[in-house]
């Protein structure tokens, strides 16, 4: 049996093609898996579990159906959907994981993360991240009306796009010293994350020992998945 890992789908009603591919993935491959791990940015934005968006409701129902079929689904917050809470978890059946999360799979310890906390060279982004992960800030935001939160999400996305145009790819990628520090802290040699939209398998050497960093891709042009069975992990694309 296979455990599946995905991230950075950025689902939204404006991109039904991504939603259709994800729903098909849930109905077929995911339905036969041991478990599904979603490592953040499942949605393009999330303004609160009370959002009545019909597209998001469809996704919740599909996740619930998968869980009800006996396939556990685990979710980790990303930088786009960090406001997902317990109501969403109850409605969809997913189990919310902390970031990072240590997982034992087929006898190997693997550290899971969304990945944005490792992009420490992007100082401006880290300031925003620190603010938006503050429970007090989130409570303040949830106290606003849906319309106010929707307007904020539009502004935040526009600011994010503009920021991406002003900094280099090296700045927005992970900091390798942070990767090494994280692996040392948790005493593991494998890290699996998303966020950067740069799918690859990186061979590392930490304290004279081999290590691996696996990066999931986004789903804008095609799907990206890590399939992990008794033979180890395989990073693949899923063309539409």
Foldseek 3Di string as FASTA:
>chain_A
DKEKEFEAQQDDPVCVVSVVVVLVCLVPVQLPHQEYEYAENPHVADQAPPDPDPSVLVVLVSLQVSVVSPHAYEYEYDPHYLRDDDVSCVSNVHHYDYAWDWDQDLNAIETEHQAQVQLVLQPVVVVVVVQVNDPVNSVVSVVDDPVVSVVVSVVVVVVVVVVVVVDDLSSRHGDVVSVLVVCVVVVHQHYEHEDSQPADWDWDAHPNRIHIYGYWHHPPQWTWMWIQDNVGIDIDTGGD
